[in-house]
Structures are given as structure tokens and as C-alpha cells.
Amino acid sequence: MKMDSKMTDEALLRLLGERLSGIRLARNLTQQHLAEQAGLGLRTVQRLELGAAATQLSGFIRVCRALGLVDNLEAFIPEPTVSPMAQLKQAGRKRQRATGKKAAVGTPKKWTWGEPA
């Protein structure tokens, strides 16, 4: 089954767990052996393979590392791209934070005491 944005979170977690389980079985590893290689408890590996939502992302990464899948995470969450115009505007400056709203056009009027906000 292919992953898409129409799937629920639970369905995506279940599918990720099934894929991890399939890769583990193809490499002839038991859940216990994978847990030992990843430095996790057996129950954590079991919950990851079941798609349980309470598992931590660090456990997922450890299992991916033990299965040799860390390099594939680049395709999972690619680095954001910046448009050529935005690159010119930034001129080598790395963005530090998001404002949460679009930047105002023009200069804002300076507020002074006694004026309504």
C-alpha cells in the first residue's frame, strides 16, 4: 500500500510498522535481536511494528539505524528548498525563526505613549 495524505495517522503508523516488520523478517532478525541491536526494549520494537502511537521517535530512529535505513530518512523528510528569489534576499543569512504572519509592506508607524494601541 502506498502512503498518502488521505490516510489517518493511525493508518500511517500501522503501515510504517508493517514495513519495518517486513524488513526485519527479510533480514531474518527476531524482534528481540533487533531490540538488542537498537538498544531498545523488546516491547518498544513490538509497539513500533504494531504502529502504536505512544512510541517515541528516537526509538524509531534507533530501529532504522539497526536495520540500515537511516540514509533513507532523507527521502522521508527532505530538506526544505528555498526559491532563487528568497536566496538572493537572504544573501547568505540563514533564517532564524518564523514570524507566523506575512511581513508588513512599508514601515509601521512609530507608537508613542498616550496613543491607543
C-alpha atoms as a PDB file:
ATOM      1  CA  MET A   1       0.000   0.000   0.000  1.00  0.00           C
ATOM      2  CA  LYS A   2       1.265   3.456  -0.876  1.00  0.00           C
ATOM      3  CA  MET A   3       1.331   6.198   1.749  1.00  0.00           C
ATOM      4  CA  ASP A   4      -0.635   9.348   1.031  1.00  0.00           C
ATOM      5  CA  SER A   5      -2.023  12.375   2.832  1.00  0.00           C
ATOM      6  CA  LYS A   6      -5.563  10.948   2.920  1.00  0.00           C
ATOM      7  CA  MET A   7      -4.516   8.220   5.361  1.00  0.00           C
ATOM      8  CA  THR A   8      -5.179   8.687   9.063  1.00  0.00           C
ATOM      9  CA  ASP A   9      -2.260   8.988  11.470  1.00  0.00           C
ATOM     10  CA  GLU A  10      -3.043   5.544  12.832  1.00  0.00           C
ATOM     11  CA  ALA A  11      -3.043   4.029   9.339  1.00  0.00           C
ATOM     12  CA  LEU A  12       0.308   5.644   8.540  1.00  0.00           C
ATOM     13  CA  LEU A  13       1.843   4.399  11.793  1.00  0.00           C
ATOM     14  CA  ARG A  14       0.486   0.909  11.129  1.00  0.00           C
ATOM     15  CA  LEU A  15       1.919   0.932   7.590  1.00  0.00           C
ATOM     16  CA  LEU A  16       5.324   2.133   8.827  1.00  0.00           C
ATOM     17  CA  GLY A  17       5.272  -0.632  11.437  1.00  0.00           C
ATOM     18  CA  GLU A  18       4.383  -3.250   8.825  1.00  0.00           C
ATOM     19  CA  ARG A  19       7.239  -2.095   6.614  1.00  0.00           C
ATOM     20  CA  LEU A  20       9.726  -2.203   9.498  1.00  0.00           C
ATOM     21  CA  SER A  21       8.485  -5.674  10.379  1.00  0.00           C
ATOM     22  CA  GLY A  22       8.841  -6.826   6.768  1.00  0.00           C
ATOM     23  CA  ILE A  23      12.411  -5.545   6.546  1.00  0.00           C
ATOM     24  CA  ARG A  24      13.267  -7.179   9.880  1.00  0.00           C
ATOM     25  CA  LEU A  25      11.867 -10.514   8.716  1.00  0.00           C
ATOM     26  CA  ALA A  26      13.635 -10.261   5.343  1.00  0.00           C
ATOM     27  CA  ARG A  27      16.903  -9.879   7.279  1.00  0.00           C
ATOM     28  CA  ASN A  28      15.976 -12.900   9.408  1.00  0.00           C
ATOM     29  CA  LEU A  29      16.061 -10.949  12.691  1.00  0.00           C
ATOM     30  CA  THR A  30      13.869 -11.655  15.680  1.00  0.00           C
ATOM     31  CA  GLN A  31      12.229  -8.756  17.467  1.00  0.00           C
ATOM     32  CA  GLN A  32      14.458  -9.487  20.449  1.00  0.00           C
ATOM     33  CA  HIS A  33      17.641  -9.398  18.350  1.00  0.00           C
ATOM     34  CA  LEU A  34      16.584  -6.135  16.675  1.00  0.00           C
ATOM     35  CA  ALA A  35      15.775  -4.637  20.081  1.00  0.00           C
ATOM     36  CA  GLU A  36      19.267  -5.562  21.330  1.00  0.00           C
ATOM     37  CA  GLN A  37      20.932  -4.109  18.215  1.00  0.00           C
ATOM     38  CA  ALA A  38      18.919  -0.891  18.528  1.00  0.00           C
ATOM     39  CA  GLY A  39      19.457  -0.609  22.291  1.00  0.00           C
ATOM     40  CA  LEU A  40      15.717  -0.727  22.960  1.00  0.00           C
ATOM     41  CA  GLY A  41      13.376  -2.926  24.907  1.00  0.00           C
ATOM     42  CA  LEU A  42      11.517  -5.736  23.190  1.00  0.00           C
ATOM     43  CA  ARG A  43       8.172  -4.064  23.925  1.00  0.00           C
ATOM     44  CA  THR A  44       9.293  -0.864  22.147  1.00  0.00           C
ATOM     45  CA  VAL A  45      10.102  -2.804  18.970  1.00  0.00           C
ATOM     46  CA  GLN A  46       6.782  -4.636  19.239  1.00  0.00           C
ATOM     47  CA  ARG A  47       4.892  -1.340  19.619  1.00  0.00           C
ATOM     48  CA  LEU A  48       6.735   0.191  16.642  1.00  0.00           C
ATOM     49  CA  GLU A  49       5.797  -2.760  14.470  1.00  0.00           C
ATOM     50  CA  LEU A  50       2.184  -2.565  15.636  1.00  0.00           C
ATOM     51  CA  GLY A  51       2.086   1.167  14.841  1.00  0.00           C
ATOM     52  CA  ALA A  52       1.330   2.124  18.428  1.00  0.00           C
ATOM     53  CA  ALA A  53       1.189   5.909  18.678  1.00  0.00           C
ATOM     54  CA  ALA A  54       2.869   6.089  22.094  1.00  0.00           C
ATOM     55  CA  THR A  55       6.302   5.059  20.782  1.00  0.00           C
ATOM     56  CA  GLN A  56       9.000   7.710  20.699  1.00  0.00           C
ATOM     57  CA  LEU A  57      10.605   8.977  17.531  1.00  0.00           C
ATOM     58  CA  SER A  58      14.053   8.199  18.962  1.00  0.00           C
ATOM     59  CA  GLY A  59      13.083   4.528  19.135  1.00  0.00           C
ATOM     60  CA  PHE A  60      12.010   4.635  15.503  1.00  0.00           C
ATOM     61  CA  ILE A  61      15.372   6.145  14.530  1.00  0.00           C
ATOM     62  CA  ARG A  62      17.274   3.507  16.523  1.00  0.00           C
ATOM     63  CA  VAL A  63      15.387   0.709  14.759  1.00  0.00           C
ATOM     64  CA  CYS A  64      16.042   2.360  11.387  1.00  0.00           C
ATOM     65  CA  ARG A  65      19.733   2.602  12.289  1.00  0.00           C
ATOM     66  CA  ALA A  66      19.876  -1.073  13.298  1.00  0.00           C
ATOM     67  CA  LEU A  67      18.197  -2.044  10.009  1.00  0.00           C
ATOM     68  CA  GLY A  68      20.495   0.229   7.976  1.00  0.00           C
ATOM     69  CA  LEU A  69      17.680   2.553   6.891  1.00  0.00           C
ATOM     70  CA  VAL A  70      18.919   5.890   8.252  1.00  0.00           C
ATOM     71  CA  ASP A  71      20.130   7.056   4.828  1.00  0.00           C
ATOM     72  CA  ASN A  72      16.590   6.576   3.520  1.00  0.00           C
ATOM     73  CA  LEU A  73      15.190   9.107   6.001  1.00  0.00           C
ATOM     74  CA  GLU A  74      16.336  11.860   3.620  1.00  0.00           C
ATOM     75  CA  ALA A  75      13.561  10.802   1.235  1.00  0.00           C
ATOM     76  CA  PHE A  76      11.136  10.559   4.166  1.00  0.00           C
ATOM     77  CA  ILE A  77      11.585  14.202   5.202  1.00  0.00           C
ATOM     78  CA  PRO A  78      13.599  16.081   2.557  1.00  0.00           C
ATOM     79  CA  GLU A  79      15.441  19.282   3.297  1.00  0.00           C
ATOM     80  CA  PRO A  80      13.254  22.314   2.545  1.00  0.00           C
ATOM     81  CA  THR A  81      14.125  24.146  -0.637  1.00  0.00           C
ATOM     82  CA  VAL A  82      14.366  27.910  -0.934  1.00  0.00           C
ATOM     83  CA  SER A  83      13.302  29.752  -4.063  1.00  0.00           C
ATOM     84  CA  PRO A  84      16.038  31.556  -6.044  1.00  0.00           C
ATOM     85  CA  MET A  85      14.484  34.937  -5.196  1.00  0.00           C
ATOM     86  CA  ALA A  86      14.462  34.139  -1.486  1.00  0.00           C
ATOM     87  CA  GLN A  87      18.117  33.073  -1.751  1.00  0.00           C
ATOM     88  CA  LEU A  88      19.010  36.456  -3.230  1.00  0.00           C
ATOM     89  CA  LYS A  89      17.106  38.285  -0.488  1.00  0.00           C
ATOM     90  CA  GLN A  90      18.771  36.267   2.257  1.00  0.00           C
ATOM     91  CA  ALA A  91      22.230  36.820   0.751  1.00  0.00           C
ATOM     92  CA  GLY A  92      23.900  34.166   2.869  1.00  0.00           C
ATOM     93  CA  ARG A  93      21.861  34.726   6.022  1.00  0.00           C
ATOM     94  CA  LYS A  94      20.224  31.623   7.475  1.00  0.00           C
ATOM     95  CA  ARG A  95      16.652  32.090   8.683  1.00  0.00           C
ATOM     96  CA  GLN A  96      16.490  32.006  12.484  1.00  0.00           C
ATOM     97  CA  ARG A  97      12.739  31.888  13.198  1.00  0.00           C
ATOM     98  CA  ALA A  98       9.273  32.073  11.691  1.00  0.00           C
ATOM     99  CA  THR A  99       7.064  35.073  12.379  1.00  0.00           C
ATOM    100  CA  GLY A 100       3.774  33.268  11.931  1.00  0.00           C
ATOM    101  CA  LYS A 101       2.405  36.004   9.683  1.00  0.00           C
ATOM    102  CA  LYS A 102       3.417  37.737   6.496  1.00  0.00           C
ATOM    103  CA  ALA A 103       5.775  40.669   6.758  1.00  0.00           C
ATOM    104  CA  ALA A 104       4.077  44.057   6.560  1.00  0.00           C
ATOM    105  CA  VAL A 105       4.644  46.106   3.431  1.00  0.00           C
ATOM    106  CA  GLY A 106       6.095  49.528   4.182  1.00  0.00           C
ATOM    107  CA  THR A 107       7.272  50.848   7.521  1.00  0.00           C
ATOM    108  CA  PRO A 108       4.972  50.764  10.541  1.00  0.00           C
ATOM    109  CA  LYS A 109       4.031  53.986  12.295  1.00  0.00           C
ATOM    110  CA  LYS A 110       6.011  54.505  15.492  1.00  0.00           C
ATOM    111  CA  TRP A 111       3.838  54.154  18.590  1.00  0.00           C
ATOM    112  CA  THR A 112       4.116  56.692  21.379  1.00  0.00           C
ATOM    113  CA  TRP A 113       2.690  56.821  24.892  1.00  0.00           C
ATOM    114  CA  GLY A 114      -0.893  58.003  25.116  1.00  0.00           C
ATOM    115  CA  GLU A 115      -1.972  56.687  21.727  1.00  0.00           C
ATOM    116  CA  PRO A 116      -4.425  53.794  21.544  1.00  0.00           C
ATOM    117  CA  ALA A 117      -2.826  50.506  20.587  1.00  0.00           C
END
